Amino acid sequence: MFARTPPPPYYAVIFTSQRTQDDKGYEAMAERMLELAARQPGFLGVESARGADGLGITVSYWRSEADILAWKANAEHLVAQHNGREKWYARFFTRVAHVERDRPFPQEER
């Protein structure tokens, strides 16, 4: 599903990851993180996909860099980050981008 973002500017956090074979607790944590992120100030939406090979890309959208930093420092999110590094991800990149324009097709109202 496409995130319904407001007109730019806003920020995108692009999380590209390669999963390990360890699935224990991953789905429950991922669902909890989505629920928790959706309640954070400045959260605008998320889009995510994962291939059969374990490569995944999740893009979350935020109103400001301060909102992103607050989410990164959230206590439950810190636990998820630790578990991700220790058991769920073989490798990952986190990129933060400033969105200056977007162009939906077909043209839609916001």
C-alpha atoms as a PDB file:
ATOM      1  CA  MET A   1       0.000   0.000   0.000  1.00  0.00           C
ATOM      2  CA  PHE A   2       1.208   3.502  -0.782  1.00  0.00           C
ATOM      3  CA  ALA A   3       1.742   5.912   2.091  1.00  0.00           C
ATOM      4  CA  ARG A   4      -0.510   8.958   1.914  1.00  0.00           C
ATOM      5  CA  THR A   5       2.007  11.710   2.503  1.00  0.00           C
ATOM      6  CA  PRO A   6       1.251  15.435   2.587  1.00  0.00           C
ATOM      7  CA  PRO A   7       2.672  17.792  -0.006  1.00  0.00           C
ATOM      8  CA  PRO A   8       6.458  18.118   0.390  1.00  0.00           C
ATOM      9  CA  PRO A   9       8.717  18.980   2.024  1.00  0.00           C
ATOM     10  CA  TYR A  10       9.061  16.050   4.419  1.00  0.00           C
ATOM     11  CA  TYR A  11      11.670  13.378   5.174  1.00  0.00           C
ATOM     12  CA  ALA A  12      12.101   9.747   4.187  1.00  0.00           C
ATOM     13  CA  VAL A  13      14.045   7.155   6.174  1.00  0.00           C
ATOM     14  CA  ILE A  14      15.062   4.355   3.820  1.00  0.00           C
ATOM     15  CA  PHE A  15      15.968   1.128   5.596  1.00  0.00           C
ATOM     16  CA  THR A  16      17.451  -1.510   3.282  1.00  0.00           C
ATOM     17  CA  SER A  17      18.175  -4.824   4.965  1.00  0.00           C
ATOM     18  CA  GLN A  18      19.276  -8.380   4.368  1.00  0.00           C
ATOM     19  CA  ARG A  19      17.615 -10.770   6.807  1.00  0.00           C
ATOM     20  CA  THR A  20      19.238 -13.725   8.516  1.00  0.00           C
ATOM     21  CA  GLN A  21      17.506 -17.097   8.839  1.00  0.00           C
ATOM     22  CA  ASP A  22      16.471 -16.311  12.443  1.00  0.00           C
ATOM     23  CA  ASP A  23      12.745 -15.493  12.405  1.00  0.00           C
ATOM     24  CA  LYS A  24      12.100 -15.968  16.126  1.00  0.00           C
ATOM     25  CA  GLY A  25      10.122 -12.950  17.300  1.00  0.00           C
ATOM     26  CA  TYR A  26      10.724 -10.916  14.149  1.00  0.00           C
ATOM     27  CA  GLU A  27       7.139 -10.658  12.865  1.00  0.00           C
ATOM     28  CA  ALA A  28       5.724  -9.692  16.263  1.00  0.00           C
ATOM     29  CA  MET A  29       8.421  -7.049  16.712  1.00  0.00           C
ATOM     30  CA  ALA A  30       7.899  -5.671  13.203  1.00  0.00           C
ATOM     31  CA  GLU A  31       4.151  -5.354  13.814  1.00  0.00           C
ATOM     32  CA  ARG A  32       4.758  -3.673  17.173  1.00  0.00           C
ATOM     33  CA  MET A  33       7.222  -1.207  15.633  1.00  0.00           C
ATOM     34  CA  LEU A  34       4.680  -0.243  12.966  1.00  0.00           C
ATOM     35  CA  GLU A  35       1.995   0.300  15.617  1.00  0.00           C
ATOM     36  CA  LEU A  36       4.369   2.324  17.768  1.00  0.00           C
ATOM     37  CA  ALA A  37       5.784   4.411  14.898  1.00  0.00           C
ATOM     38  CA  ALA A  38       2.264   5.287  13.748  1.00  0.00           C
ATOM     39  CA  ARG A  39       1.666   6.938  17.143  1.00  0.00           C
ATOM     40  CA  GLN A  40       4.869   8.985  17.098  1.00  0.00           C
ATOM     41  CA  PRO A  41       4.668  12.741  16.510  1.00  0.00           C
ATOM     42  CA  GLY A  42       5.611  13.547  12.932  1.00  0.00           C
ATOM     43  CA  PHE A  43       5.028  10.058  11.488  1.00  0.00           C
ATOM     44  CA  LEU A  44       3.457  10.362   8.023  1.00  0.00           C
ATOM     45  CA  GLY A  45       3.375   6.786   6.716  1.00  0.00           C
ATOM     46  CA  VAL A  46       5.377   3.762   5.638  1.00  0.00           C
ATOM     47  CA  GLU A  47       5.912   1.549   2.596  1.00  0.00           C
ATOM     48  CA  SER A  48       7.679  -1.806   2.785  1.00  0.00           C
ATOM     49  CA  ALA A  49       8.587  -4.784   0.615  1.00  0.00           C
ATOM     50  CA  ARG A  50      10.697  -7.912   1.121  1.00  0.00           C
ATOM     51  CA  GLY A  51      11.844 -10.400  -1.487  1.00  0.00           C
ATOM     52  CA  ALA A  52      12.084 -14.175  -1.148  1.00  0.00           C
ATOM     53  CA  ASP A  53      15.869 -13.766  -0.847  1.00  0.00           C
ATOM     54  CA  GLY A  54      15.446 -11.785   2.402  1.00  0.00           C
ATOM     55  CA  LEU A  55      16.297  -8.383   0.927  1.00  0.00           C
ATOM     56  CA  GLY A  56      13.869  -5.764   2.211  1.00  0.00           C
ATOM     57  CA  ILE A  57      13.287  -2.060   1.792  1.00  0.00           C
ATOM     58  CA  THR A  58      11.162  -0.056   4.196  1.00  0.00           C
ATOM     59  CA  VAL A  59      10.623   3.652   3.707  1.00  0.00           C
ATOM     60  CA  SER A  60       9.085   5.614   6.548  1.00  0.00           C
ATOM     61  CA  TYR A  61       8.036   9.224   6.088  1.00  0.00           C
ATOM     62  CA  TRP A  62       8.413  11.939   8.730  1.00  0.00           C
ATOM     63  CA  ARG A  63       7.601  15.613   9.107  1.00  0.00           C
ATOM     64  CA  SER A  64      11.041  16.623  10.439  1.00  0.00           C
ATOM     65  CA  GLU A  65      14.521  15.427  11.326  1.00  0.00           C
ATOM     66  CA  ALA A  66      13.685  16.019  15.003  1.00  0.00           C
ATOM     67  CA  ASP A  67      10.776  13.566  14.671  1.00  0.00           C
ATOM     68  CA  ILE A  68      13.128  10.987  13.124  1.00  0.00           C
ATOM     69  CA  LEU A  69      15.634  11.378  15.957  1.00  0.00           C
ATOM     70  CA  ALA A  70      12.884  11.051  18.569  1.00  0.00           C
ATOM     71  CA  TRP A  71      11.736   7.807  16.929  1.00  0.00           C
ATOM     72  CA  LYS A  72      15.302   6.484  16.791  1.00  0.00           C
ATOM     73  CA  ALA A  73      15.625   7.134  20.559  1.00  0.00           C
ATOM     74  CA  ASN A  74      12.277   5.541  21.519  1.00  0.00           C
ATOM     75  CA  ALA A  75      12.916   2.919  24.232  1.00  0.00           C
ATOM     76  CA  GLU A  76      11.022   0.062  22.536  1.00  0.00           C
ATOM     77  CA  HIS A  77      12.569   0.943  19.183  1.00  0.00           C
ATOM     78  CA  LEU A  78      16.037   0.785  20.798  1.00  0.00           C
ATOM     79  CA  VAL A  79      15.293  -2.812  21.869  1.00  0.00           C
ATOM     80  CA  ALA A  80      14.195  -3.664  18.320  1.00  0.00           C
ATOM     81  CA  GLN A  81      17.357  -2.071  16.916  1.00  0.00           C
ATOM     82  CA  HIS A  82      19.501  -4.148  19.272  1.00  0.00           C
ATOM     83  CA  ASN A  83      17.684  -7.378  18.340  1.00  0.00           C
ATOM     84  CA  GLY A  84      18.010  -6.503  14.659  1.00  0.00           C
ATOM     85  CA  ARG A  85      21.777  -6.126  14.919  1.00  0.00           C
ATOM     86  CA  GLU A  86      22.162  -9.235  17.085  1.00  0.00           C
ATOM     87  CA  LYS A  87      19.941 -11.745  15.272  1.00  0.00           C
ATOM     88  CA  TRP A  88      17.595 -10.588  12.493  1.00  0.00           C
ATOM     89  CA  TYR A  89      19.790  -8.669  10.044  1.00  0.00           C
ATOM     90  CA  ALA A  90      22.964  -9.835   8.328  1.00  0.00           C
ATOM     91  CA  ARG A  91      23.448  -6.352   6.892  1.00  0.00           C
ATOM     92  CA  PHE A  92      21.542  -3.084   6.595  1.00  0.00           C
ATOM     93  CA  PHE A  93      21.742   0.541   5.520  1.00  0.00           C
ATOM     94  CA  THR A  94      19.731   3.419   6.921  1.00  0.00           C
ATOM     95  CA  ARG A  95      19.481   6.503   4.737  1.00  0.00           C
ATOM     96  CA  VAL A  96      17.674   9.754   5.492  1.00  0.00           C
ATOM     97  CA  ALA A  97      16.474  11.910   2.598  1.00  0.00           C
ATOM     98  CA  HIS A  98      14.708  15.254   2.328  1.00  0.00           C
ATOM     99  CA  VAL A  99      11.761  14.938  -0.060  1.00  0.00           C
ATOM    100  CA  GLU A 100      11.371  18.114  -2.085  1.00  0.00           C
ATOM    101  CA  ARG A 101       8.783  16.934  -4.574  1.00  0.00           C
ATOM    102  CA  ASP A 102       6.617  13.952  -5.361  1.00  0.00           C
ATOM    103  CA  ARG A 103       4.473  13.121  -8.346  1.00  0.00           C
ATOM    104  CA  PRO A 104       1.679  10.603  -7.891  1.00  0.00           C
ATOM    105  CA  PHE A 105       0.206   8.831 -10.899  1.00  0.00           C
ATOM    106  CA  PRO A 106      -2.566   9.024 -11.657  1.00  0.00           C
ATOM    107  CA  GLN A 107      -2.887  12.507 -10.252  1.00  0.00           C
ATOM    108  CA  GLU A 108      -4.721  12.319  -6.945  1.00  0.00           C
ATOM    109  CA  GLU A 109      -6.042  14.772  -4.428  1.00  0.00           C
ATOM    110  CA  ARG A 110      -4.394  14.998  -1.026  1.00  0.00           C
END
